[in-house]
Amino acid sequence: MSYNLPIVDLYESYERKNIDMANSLQNQTVQVIESWGEGPWNGYNVQKAILQMTGVDFGPLRAPQMNMDKDTMMQLGTRLKHLGLNITEEWVIQEQPLYGAEENIINFLEKFEHN
């Protein structure tokens, strides 16, 4: 398991001296690792949770480490999915459709931005 999202592409870009592409791909990896400390999951051992969210479940953590609750794992899974990690859909919060006033506000703001 690697947190280098497109590791083959990263390696090949570097070998071909396409440094801009290699830097871009490496930055994706850095964003994934930095996200470990940016949410309610900060302080947890996220690596085992990430493995579980990608379909490799090694079971719960041993004491004194604490397992994340389902809501926290869902938030982490959603964040990592948006960064491009192969998180299974069961660990991603699905976007809710907008209704009523929320939808009207979004439509108004979109029109305002275009003027």
C-alpha atoms as a PDB file:
ATOM      1  CA  MET A   1       0.000   0.000   0.000  1.00  0.00           C
ATOM      2  CA  SER A   2       1.338   3.383  -0.941  1.00  0.00           C
ATOM      3  CA  TYR A   3       0.002   6.863  -0.361  1.00  0.00           C
ATOM      4  CA  ASN A   4       1.632   7.936  -3.617  1.00  0.00           C
ATOM      5  CA  LEU A   5      -1.586   8.111  -5.574  1.00  0.00           C
ATOM      6  CA  PRO A   6      -0.236   7.576  -9.096  1.00  0.00           C
ATOM      7  CA  ILE A   7       3.135   6.063  -8.165  1.00  0.00           C
ATOM      8  CA  VAL A   8       3.887   4.638 -11.623  1.00  0.00           C
ATOM      9  CA  ASP A   9       3.059   7.955 -13.294  1.00  0.00           C
ATOM     10  CA  LEU A  10       5.155   9.786 -10.710  1.00  0.00           C
ATOM     11  CA  TYR A  11       8.161   7.553 -11.326  1.00  0.00           C
ATOM     12  CA  GLU A  12       7.825   7.678 -15.108  1.00  0.00           C
ATOM     13  CA  SER A  13       7.434  11.474 -15.106  1.00  0.00           C
ATOM     14  CA  TYR A  14      10.601  11.806 -13.093  1.00  0.00           C
ATOM     15  CA  GLU A  15      12.498   9.387 -15.345  1.00  0.00           C
ATOM     16  CA  ARG A  16      11.381  11.312 -18.442  1.00  0.00           C
ATOM     17  CA  LYS A  17      12.587  14.564 -16.839  1.00  0.00           C
ATOM     18  CA  ASN A  18       9.016  15.906 -16.789  1.00  0.00           C
ATOM     19  CA  ILE A  19       9.669  17.628 -13.483  1.00  0.00           C
ATOM     20  CA  ASP A  20       6.490  19.742 -13.524  1.00  0.00           C
ATOM     21  CA  MET A  21       4.317  16.621 -13.793  1.00  0.00           C
ATOM     22  CA  ALA A  22       6.387  14.774 -11.170  1.00  0.00           C
ATOM     23  CA  ASN A  23       6.056  17.729  -8.779  1.00  0.00           C
ATOM     24  CA  SER A  24       2.299  17.896  -9.349  1.00  0.00           C
ATOM     25  CA  LEU A  25       1.879  14.187  -8.627  1.00  0.00           C
ATOM     26  CA  GLN A  26       4.120  14.400  -5.559  1.00  0.00           C
ATOM     27  CA  ASN A  27       2.029  17.331  -4.286  1.00  0.00           C
ATOM     28  CA  GLN A  28      -1.056  15.102  -4.423  1.00  0.00           C
ATOM     29  CA  THR A  29       0.747  12.657  -2.149  1.00  0.00           C
ATOM     30  CA  VAL A  30       1.745  15.438   0.227  1.00  0.00           C
ATOM     31  CA  GLN A  31      -1.881  16.631   0.409  1.00  0.00           C
ATOM     32  CA  VAL A  32      -3.020  13.150   1.419  1.00  0.00           C
ATOM     33  CA  ILE A  33      -0.429  12.920   4.185  1.00  0.00           C
ATOM     34  CA  GLU A  34      -1.093  16.486   5.398  1.00  0.00           C
ATOM     35  CA  SER A  35      -4.822  15.762   5.566  1.00  0.00           C
ATOM     36  CA  TRP A  36      -4.146  13.223   8.331  1.00  0.00           C
ATOM     37  CA  GLY A  37      -3.757  16.066  10.832  1.00  0.00           C
ATOM     38  CA  GLU A  38      -6.428  18.431   9.487  1.00  0.00           C
ATOM     39  CA  GLY A  39      -9.701  17.077  10.798  1.00  0.00           C
ATOM     40  CA  PRO A  40     -11.452  15.405  13.703  1.00  0.00           C
ATOM     41  CA  TRP A  41      -9.309  12.322  13.015  1.00  0.00           C
ATOM     42  CA  ASN A  42      -6.183  14.228  14.153  1.00  0.00           C
ATOM     43  CA  GLY A  43      -4.507  12.164  16.864  1.00  0.00           C
ATOM     44  CA  TYR A  44      -5.787   8.840  15.578  1.00  0.00           C
ATOM     45  CA  ASN A  45      -3.724   6.261  13.711  1.00  0.00           C
ATOM     46  CA  VAL A  46      -5.230   6.942  10.310  1.00  0.00           C
ATOM     47  CA  GLN A  47      -3.108   4.498   8.338  1.00  0.00           C
ATOM     48  CA  LYS A  48      -5.009   1.415   9.464  1.00  0.00           C
ATOM     49  CA  ALA A  49      -8.320   3.217   8.904  1.00  0.00           C
ATOM     50  CA  ILE A  50      -7.221   4.144   5.370  1.00  0.00           C
ATOM     51  CA  LEU A  51      -6.352   0.530   4.647  1.00  0.00           C
ATOM     52  CA  GLN A  52      -9.828  -0.502   5.816  1.00  0.00           C
ATOM     53  CA  MET A  53     -11.418   2.182   3.619  1.00  0.00           C
ATOM     54  CA  THR A  54      -9.527   0.881   0.589  1.00  0.00           C
ATOM     55  CA  GLY A  55     -10.733  -2.677   1.169  1.00  0.00           C
ATOM     56  CA  VAL A  56      -7.887  -4.104   3.272  1.00  0.00           C
ATOM     57  CA  ASP A  57      -9.225  -4.659   6.805  1.00  0.00           C
ATOM     58  CA  PHE A  58      -6.691  -5.764   9.408  1.00  0.00           C
ATOM     59  CA  GLY A  59      -9.159  -5.437  12.276  1.00  0.00           C
ATOM     60  CA  PRO A  60      -9.254  -2.964  15.157  1.00  0.00           C
ATOM     61  CA  LEU A  61      -6.268  -1.228  16.679  1.00  0.00           C
ATOM     62  CA  ARG A  62      -4.782  -2.560  19.897  1.00  0.00           C
ATOM     63  CA  ALA A  63      -4.739  -0.570  23.129  1.00  0.00           C
ATOM     64  CA  PRO A  64      -3.661   2.060  23.938  1.00  0.00           C
ATOM     65  CA  GLN A  65      -4.545   3.303  20.450  1.00  0.00           C
ATOM     66  CA  MET A  66      -8.190   4.148  19.882  1.00  0.00           C
ATOM     67  CA  ASN A  67     -10.243   3.297  16.816  1.00  0.00           C
ATOM     68  CA  MET A  68     -12.105   6.073  15.039  1.00  0.00           C
ATOM     69  CA  ASP A  69     -15.877   6.108  15.206  1.00  0.00           C
ATOM     70  CA  LYS A  70     -17.815   5.578  11.977  1.00  0.00           C
ATOM     71  CA  ASP A  71     -18.682   9.284  11.504  1.00  0.00           C
ATOM     72  CA  THR A  72     -15.046  10.318  11.796  1.00  0.00           C
ATOM     73  CA  MET A  73     -13.987   7.615   9.356  1.00  0.00           C
ATOM     74  CA  MET A  74     -16.657   8.791   6.921  1.00  0.00           C
ATOM     75  CA  GLN A  75     -15.325  12.347   7.102  1.00  0.00           C
ATOM     76  CA  LEU A  76     -11.764  11.142   6.549  1.00  0.00           C
ATOM     77  CA  GLY A  77     -12.829   8.851   3.711  1.00  0.00           C
ATOM     78  CA  THR A  78     -14.651  11.690   1.993  1.00  0.00           C
ATOM     79  CA  ARG A  79     -11.661  14.009   2.320  1.00  0.00           C
ATOM     80  CA  LEU A  80      -9.271  11.385   0.939  1.00  0.00           C
ATOM     81  CA  LYS A  81     -11.625  10.444  -1.909  1.00  0.00           C
ATOM     82  CA  HIS A  82     -11.691  14.108  -2.959  1.00  0.00           C
ATOM     83  CA  LEU A  83      -7.876  14.036  -2.986  1.00  0.00           C
ATOM     84  CA  GLY A  84      -7.918  11.037  -5.343  1.00  0.00           C
ATOM     85  CA  LEU A  85      -7.266   8.073  -3.032  1.00  0.00           C
ATOM     86  CA  ASN A  86      -9.109   4.856  -3.948  1.00  0.00           C
ATOM     87  CA  ILE A  87     -11.548   4.925  -1.022  1.00  0.00           C
ATOM     88  CA  THR A  88     -14.519   2.567  -1.401  1.00  0.00           C
ATOM     89  CA  GLU A  89     -17.896   4.285  -1.717  1.00  0.00           C
ATOM     90  CA  GLU A  90     -19.168   2.926   1.607  1.00  0.00           C
ATOM     91  CA  TRP A  91     -16.703   5.292   3.358  1.00  0.00           C
ATOM     92  CA  VAL A  92     -17.659   8.422   1.400  1.00  0.00           C
ATOM     93  CA  ILE A  93     -20.370  10.848   2.471  1.00  0.00           C
ATOM     94  CA  GLN A  94     -22.667  11.298  -0.487  1.00  0.00           C
ATOM     95  CA  GLU A  95     -23.545  14.869  -1.378  1.00  0.00           C
ATOM     96  CA  GLN A  96     -27.066  15.811  -0.414  1.00  0.00           C
ATOM     97  CA  PRO A  97     -29.355  17.416  -2.995  1.00  0.00           C
ATOM     98  CA  LEU A  98     -30.260  21.031  -2.315  1.00  0.00           C
ATOM     99  CA  TYR A  99     -33.853  21.902  -1.503  1.00  0.00           C
ATOM    100  CA  GLY A 100     -35.794  25.119  -1.039  1.00  0.00           C
ATOM    101  CA  ALA A 101     -33.933  28.161   0.272  1.00  0.00           C
ATOM    102  CA  GLU A 102     -30.476  26.572  -0.065  1.00  0.00           C
ATOM    103  CA  GLU A 103     -31.053  25.969  -3.763  1.00  0.00           C
ATOM    104  CA  ASN A 104     -32.330  29.511  -4.269  1.00  0.00           C
ATOM    105  CA  ILE A 105     -29.274  30.972  -2.545  1.00  0.00           C
ATOM    106  CA  ILE A 106     -26.908  28.897  -4.675  1.00  0.00           C
ATOM    107  CA  ASN A 107     -28.700  29.943  -7.869  1.00  0.00           C
ATOM    108  CA  PHE A 108     -28.577  33.611  -6.831  1.00  0.00           C
ATOM    109  CA  LEU A 109     -24.851  33.420  -6.027  1.00  0.00           C
ATOM    110  CA  GLU A 110     -24.078  31.716  -9.339  1.00  0.00           C
ATOM    111  CA  LYS A 111     -25.907  34.454 -11.262  1.00  0.00           C
ATOM    112  CA  PHE A 112     -24.166  37.139  -9.189  1.00  0.00           C
ATOM    113  CA  GLU A 113     -20.723  35.668  -9.951  1.00  0.00           C
ATOM    114  CA  HIS A 114     -21.342  35.781 -13.697  1.00  0.00           C
ATOM    115  CA  ASN A 115     -22.235  39.511 -13.699  1.00  0.00           C
END
